[in-house]
Amino acid sequence: MIMEMKFPGGLAVEALYKGHRILTDQAPHAGGGGAAPEPFSLFLASIGTCAGFYALRFCQQRSIATDDLQVSLEPFRDPESKRISTVRIALELPADFPEKYRAAIVRAVDQCAVKRHIVEPPEFDVVTLRPDQGLEVPDQPTGSSARASA
């Protein structure tokens, strides 16, 4: 399924995917309107919400109450490269969380599909299209693009 990007104005970019509208914008200090999260914030949120989903399902499948379950994500930046070097996902478990499941919930959260795609990244195939010349989006990548480095 193809995700389409639209440009509603200013520095906002809207993604349309599977019937959902996902809006991004840049912060005012970067020239945007601040009307929505920046794309990188959504990237981090996708990691955190994926981890949260795996923690939630782990507990639900074992009938463990999730009222006091919390998941937080904290990115740490390398001071030289300014890039994120570590992402810490912290699971705050309920007081009555069974000790026998402590290591297992960590393993479950570690299976997050978003994280796995970062650990084993896909290739990125950026192409240009000219609809006026009848070109179409290729069904499969050409395999000629270089692999993105992390």
Protein backbone atom coordinates (compact mmCIF):
# COMPACT_ATOMS: atom_id res chain seq x y z
CA MET A 1 0.00 0.00 0.00
CA ILE A 2 1.37 3.40 -0.93
CA MET A 3 1.57 6.26 1.56
CA GLU A 4 0.98 9.65 -0.05
CA MET A 5 2.41 12.94 1.18
CA LYS A 6 0.56 16.22 0.68
CA PHE A 7 1.69 19.77 1.41
CA PRO A 8 -1.13 21.71 3.09
CA GLY A 9 0.89 24.91 3.56
CA GLY A 10 3.86 26.39 5.31
CA LEU A 11 6.26 23.64 6.37
CA ALA A 12 3.48 21.16 7.18
CA VAL A 13 3.51 17.77 5.50
CA GLU A 14 0.54 15.43 5.67
CA ALA A 15 0.77 11.67 5.19
CA LEU A 16 -2.29 9.75 4.00
CA TYR A 17 -2.11 6.06 4.79
CA LYS A 18 -4.72 3.33 5.28
CA GLY A 19 -7.49 5.91 5.72
CA HIS A 20 -5.57 7.93 8.30
CA ARG A 21 -4.26 11.47 8.06
CA ILE A 22 -0.98 12.09 9.87
CA LEU A 23 0.06 15.73 10.04
CA THR A 24 3.58 16.97 10.75
CA ASP A 25 4.94 20.48 11.04
CA GLN A 26 8.15 22.14 12.08
CA ALA A 27 8.60 24.03 15.32
CA PRO A 28 8.20 27.82 15.17
CA HIS A 29 11.91 28.35 15.81
CA ALA A 30 12.56 26.30 12.64
CA GLY A 31 10.11 28.34 10.56
CA GLY A 32 7.06 26.12 10.99
CA GLY A 33 3.73 26.74 12.62
CA GLY A 34 4.12 24.17 15.40
CA ALA A 35 0.64 22.84 14.56
CA ALA A 36 1.74 19.21 14.76
CA PRO A 37 4.72 17.13 15.86
CA GLU A 38 7.89 17.26 13.80
CA PRO A 39 8.57 14.13 11.73
CA PHE A 40 11.45 13.09 13.99
CA SER A 41 9.18 13.31 17.04
CA LEU A 42 6.76 10.94 15.29
CA PHE A 43 9.68 8.62 14.54
CA LEU A 44 10.49 8.45 18.27
CA ALA A 45 6.78 8.13 19.12
CA SER A 46 6.50 5.18 16.73
CA ILE A 47 9.24 3.40 18.67
CA GLY A 48 7.64 4.21 22.02
CA THR A 49 4.09 3.31 21.04
CA CYS A 50 5.29 0.07 19.46
CA ALA A 51 7.12 -0.84 22.68
CA GLY A 52 4.02 0.12 24.64
CA PHE A 53 1.85 -2.11 22.46
CA TYR A 54 4.12 -5.11 23.08
CA ALA A 55 4.13 -4.46 26.85
CA LEU A 56 0.34 -4.06 26.85
CA ARG A 57 -0.28 -7.26 24.89
CA PHE A 58 2.16 -9.20 27.09
CA CYS A 59 0.17 -8.21 30.17
CA GLN A 60 -3.23 -8.70 28.57
CA GLN A 61 -2.36 -12.21 27.42
CA ARG A 62 -1.48 -13.13 31.01
CA SER A 63 -4.38 -11.26 32.64
CA ILE A 64 -1.98 -8.86 34.36
CA ALA A 65 -3.60 -5.52 35.19
CA THR A 66 -2.17 -2.62 33.19
CA ASP A 67 -3.59 0.30 35.19
CA ASP A 68 -0.17 1.16 36.64
CA LEU A 69 1.93 0.00 33.68
CA GLN A 70 3.91 2.81 32.09
CA VAL A 71 6.38 2.89 29.24
CA SER A 72 8.71 5.81 28.64
CA LEU A 73 11.29 6.48 25.97
CA GLU A 74 14.37 8.63 26.42
CA PRO A 75 16.74 9.37 23.54
CA PHE A 76 20.38 10.14 24.29
CA ARG A 77 22.37 12.19 21.78
CA ASP A 78 26.02 11.85 20.93
CA PRO A 79 27.52 15.27 21.71
CA GLU A 80 29.81 15.20 18.67
CA SER A 81 27.50 13.91 15.94
CA LYS A 82 24.31 15.35 17.52
CA ARG A 83 22.59 12.13 16.47
CA ILE A 84 20.79 9.79 18.82
CA SER A 85 23.23 7.17 20.06
CA THR A 86 20.99 5.34 22.55
CA VAL A 87 17.26 4.96 22.99
CA ARG A 88 16.27 3.88 26.48
CA ILE A 89 12.84 2.30 26.86
CA ALA A 90 11.85 2.08 30.51
CA LEU A 91 9.04 -0.18 31.69
CA GLU A 92 7.48 0.95 34.95
CA LEU A 93 5.79 -2.20 36.14
CA PRO A 94 2.87 -2.30 38.58
CA ALA A 95 3.80 -3.07 42.19
CA ASP A 96 2.10 -6.47 41.97
CA PHE A 97 3.70 -7.43 38.64
CA PRO A 98 4.78 -11.09 38.88
CA GLU A 99 8.56 -11.32 39.30
CA LYS A 100 8.63 -14.47 37.15
CA TYR A 101 7.62 -12.34 34.12
CA ARG A 102 10.09 -9.46 34.57
CA ALA A 103 12.69 -10.75 32.08
CA ALA A 104 9.99 -12.04 29.74
CA ILE A 105 8.27 -8.66 29.34
CA VAL A 106 11.63 -7.08 28.48
CA ARG A 107 12.15 -9.75 25.80
CA ALA A 108 8.62 -9.13 24.49
CA VAL A 109 9.13 -5.37 24.23
CA ASP A 110 12.48 -6.00 22.54
CA GLN A 111 10.54 -7.63 19.67
CA CYS A 112 8.93 -4.32 18.67
CA ALA A 113 8.65 -4.31 14.87
CA VAL A 114 9.71 -0.66 14.58
CA LYS A 115 12.89 -1.34 16.56
CA ARG A 116 13.64 -4.42 14.47
CA HIS A 117 13.43 -2.31 11.30
CA ILE A 118 16.01 0.06 12.76
CA VAL A 119 18.32 -2.77 13.78
CA GLU A 120 17.97 -4.37 10.34
CA PRO A 121 17.15 -1.39 8.13
CA PRO A 122 15.47 -1.64 4.75
CA GLU A 123 17.03 -0.21 1.64
CA PHE A 124 15.73 3.17 0.55
CA ASP A 125 14.98 3.50 -3.14
CA VAL A 126 14.35 7.16 -4.00
CA VAL A 127 13.09 7.64 -7.55
CA THR A 128 11.75 10.54 -9.58
CA LEU A 129 8.53 10.25 -11.53
CA ARG A 130 7.09 12.36 -14.33
CA PRO A 131 3.39 11.53 -14.69
CA ASP A 132 3.24 13.71 -17.81
CA GLN A 133 5.64 11.24 -19.44
CA GLY A 134 3.63 8.19 -18.42
CA LEU A 135 6.10 6.79 -15.89
CA GLU A 136 4.71 4.76 -13.04
CA VAL A 137 5.97 3.87 -9.59
CA PRO A 138 7.93 0.62 -9.86
CA ASP A 139 6.29 -2.25 -7.96
CA GLN A 140 9.64 -3.37 -6.58
CA PRO A 141 12.80 -1.42 -5.85
CA THR A 142 15.42 -1.49 -8.54
CA GLY A 143 18.05 -2.65 -6.07
CA SER A 144 20.43 -0.04 -7.42
CA SER A 145 20.24 2.30 -4.46
CA ALA A 146 22.84 2.26 -1.74
CA ARG A 147 21.86 1.04 1.67
CA ALA A 148 21.28 3.84 4.14
CA SER A 149 23.78 3.83 6.97
CA ALA A 150 22.64 4.33 10.53
